[in-house]
Protein backbone atom coordinates (compact mmCIF):
# COMPACT_ATOMS: atom_id res chain seq x y z
CA MET A 1 110.32 64.33 238.79
CA ALA A 2 111.49 65.25 235.30
CA LEU A 3 114.10 64.28 232.72
CA ILE A 4 117.18 66.26 231.82
CA GLY A 5 119.88 65.97 229.16
CA ASP A 6 120.41 66.09 225.41
CA TRP A 7 117.30 65.38 223.34
CA ILE A 8 117.41 64.46 219.67
CA GLN A 9 114.32 65.77 217.89
CA TYR A 10 113.55 63.79 214.74
CA ILE A 11 111.64 65.69 212.09
CA ASP A 12 110.10 63.85 209.13
CA VAL A 13 109.01 65.77 206.02
CA ASP A 14 107.82 64.68 202.59
CA SER A 15 110.27 65.22 199.76
CA GLU A 16 109.03 67.77 197.25
CA THR A 17 110.78 66.03 194.35
CA GLU A 18 111.40 62.35 195.15
CA THR A 19 108.73 59.64 195.22
CA ILE A 20 108.57 55.85 195.57
CA LEU A 21 105.98 53.24 194.64
CA GLN A 22 104.30 51.66 197.64
CA THR A 23 102.09 48.57 197.55
CA ILE A 24 98.83 48.81 199.47
CA THR A 25 96.80 45.69 200.24
CA TYR A 26 93.23 46.42 201.27
CA PRO A 27 91.51 44.16 203.81
CA GLU A 28 88.90 41.66 202.62
CA PHE A 29 86.12 43.49 204.43
CA ILE A 30 85.60 47.20 204.01
CA PRO A 31 82.20 48.65 205.04
CA GLU A 32 79.89 49.67 202.20
CA ASN A 33 79.87 53.32 203.27
CA ASP A 34 83.69 53.51 203.05
CA PRO A 35 85.07 55.29 199.94
CA ASP A 36 87.47 52.36 199.42
CA HIS A 37 84.75 49.69 199.61
CA GLU A 38 85.26 48.69 195.97
CA LYS A 39 88.95 48.02 196.66
CA ALA A 40 88.28 45.35 199.32
CA GLY A 41 90.63 42.39 198.91
CA THR A 42 92.73 44.07 196.21
CA THR A 43 96.30 45.28 195.99
CA GLN A 44 97.39 48.48 194.33
CA GLU A 45 100.60 50.46 193.87
CA VAL A 46 100.56 54.15 194.69
CA GLU A 47 103.20 56.80 194.31
CA VAL A 48 104.10 58.50 197.60
CA PRO A 49 106.71 61.09 198.55
CA VAL A 50 110.01 59.91 200.04
CA ILE A 51 110.20 60.73 203.73
CA ILE A 52 113.24 62.80 204.67
CA ARG A 53 114.29 62.57 208.32
CA THR A 54 116.40 65.26 209.93
CA GLU A 55 117.80 65.47 213.44
CA LYS A 56 117.97 68.49 215.68
CA ILE A 57 119.94 68.13 218.91
CA HIS A 58 118.74 70.17 221.88
CA THR A 59 121.26 70.25 224.72
CA GLU A 60 120.40 70.14 228.41
CA VAL A 61 116.62 70.23 227.94
CA TYR A 62 114.15 69.70 230.75
CA VAL A 63 111.29 67.30 230.04
CA ASN A 64 108.22 67.28 232.23
CA VAL A 65 105.21 64.96 232.15
CA HIS A 66 102.43 67.51 232.06
CA SER A 67 99.47 65.15 232.52
CA ILE A 68 98.50 61.50 232.65
CA ASN A 69 95.10 60.10 231.78
CA THR A 70 94.42 56.51 232.89
CA PHE A 71 91.61 54.33 231.58
CA LYS A 72 90.45 50.73 231.24
CA LEU A 73 89.98 49.04 227.90
CA ASN A 74 88.42 45.70 227.04
CA ASP A 75 90.25 44.02 224.18
CA LEU A 76 90.99 40.49 222.98
CA PHE A 77 93.16 39.93 226.06
CA GLY A 78 90.52 41.01 228.57
CA GLN A 79 90.30 44.23 230.56
CA ARG A 80 93.58 46.11 230.68
CA ASN A 81 94.71 49.43 232.13
CA TYR A 82 96.30 52.09 229.98
CA MET A 83 97.55 55.64 230.22
CA ASN A 84 97.92 58.52 227.80
CA ILE A 85 100.83 60.80 228.64
CA CYS A 86 101.23 64.46 227.70
CA TYR A 87 104.79 65.73 228.00
CA ARG A 88 106.54 69.03 227.40
CA VAL A 89 110.15 69.77 226.47
CA TYR A 90 111.67 73.00 227.80
CA GLU A 91 114.94 74.71 226.87
CA ASN A 92 116.08 74.17 230.47
CA LYS A 93 114.78 73.71 234.01
CA GLU A 94 114.56 77.45 234.67
CA ALA A 95 112.28 77.95 231.66
CA SER A 96 109.87 75.35 233.02
CA LEU A 97 109.84 76.94 236.46
CA ASN A 98 109.41 80.50 235.14
CA ASP A 99 106.55 79.80 232.74
CA VAL A 100 104.90 76.39 232.22
CA TYR A 101 103.76 77.58 228.77
CA ASP A 102 107.29 78.40 227.60
CA PHE A 103 107.92 74.90 226.19
CA ILE A 104 109.60 74.21 222.85
CA PHE A 105 107.73 70.97 222.14
CA GLU A 106 104.62 69.19 223.40
CA GLU A 107 103.45 65.71 222.44
CA HIS A 108 101.37 62.77 223.64
CA LEU A 109 102.22 59.12 224.13
CA MET A 110 99.07 57.14 223.60
CA GLN A 111 97.81 53.90 225.12
CA LYS A 112 100.75 52.75 227.23
CA GLU A 113 99.89 49.85 229.51
CA VAL A 114 99.82 50.64 233.24
CA ASP A 115 101.09 48.06 235.73
CA TYR A 116 99.30 48.70 239.01
CA LEU A 117 101.31 45.90 240.66
CA SER A 118 104.64 47.52 239.82
CA ASP A 119 106.87 49.04 242.47
CA LEU A 120 106.90 52.16 240.26
CA THR A 121 104.25 54.85 240.67
CA ILE A 122 102.10 55.80 237.68
CA SER A 123 104.25 58.90 237.22
CA GLU A 124 107.48 56.88 237.31
CA GLN A 125 106.02 54.48 234.74
CA ALA A 126 105.16 57.44 232.50
CA TYR A 127 108.75 58.70 232.61
CA LYS A 128 110.01 55.17 231.93
CA PHE A 129 107.85 55.01 228.77
CA LEU A 130 109.09 58.43 227.74
CA LYS A 131 112.74 57.38 228.04
CA MET A 132 112.02 54.54 225.59
CA GLU A 133 110.93 56.98 222.87
CA LEU A 134 113.24 57.75 219.95
CA GLY A 135 115.47 60.69 220.88
CA PHE A 136 114.80 60.46 224.63
CA GLU A 137 116.96 57.39 225.37
CA ASN A 138 119.88 59.36 226.84
CA LEU A 139 117.88 61.57 229.19
CA ILE A 140 118.27 60.96 232.90
CA ASN A 141 115.99 61.49 235.89
CA ASP A 142 116.22 64.87 237.57
């Protein structure tokens, strides 16, 4: 299984000239060994660069889930099952078949909840999560 279609790659970069003021509220408790310990419970304004988002459209790409790592995690809701997903974007299907290292982009989706009772396999669930990511919404199953 894989995904195929037009992928919109979003690229965020800091502006070199424009900035904005951003308010940061520090939590009430910050450990003593933390460099921001003295700022616990305070609010401060900091100047940060404006984020500039650009789009790059890649046509007829081939997206393959390279690996899936499943694990259990105990949190406030009890024990839950998660997966981390590594995926690769190729120029096209032939590129992926000729050389698995000839990808144009590789990324990870972290801590997506696995549903072992679903009719979908773990792999199918991974692709479903991937299609929900920004820029991947219009890809279809291959």
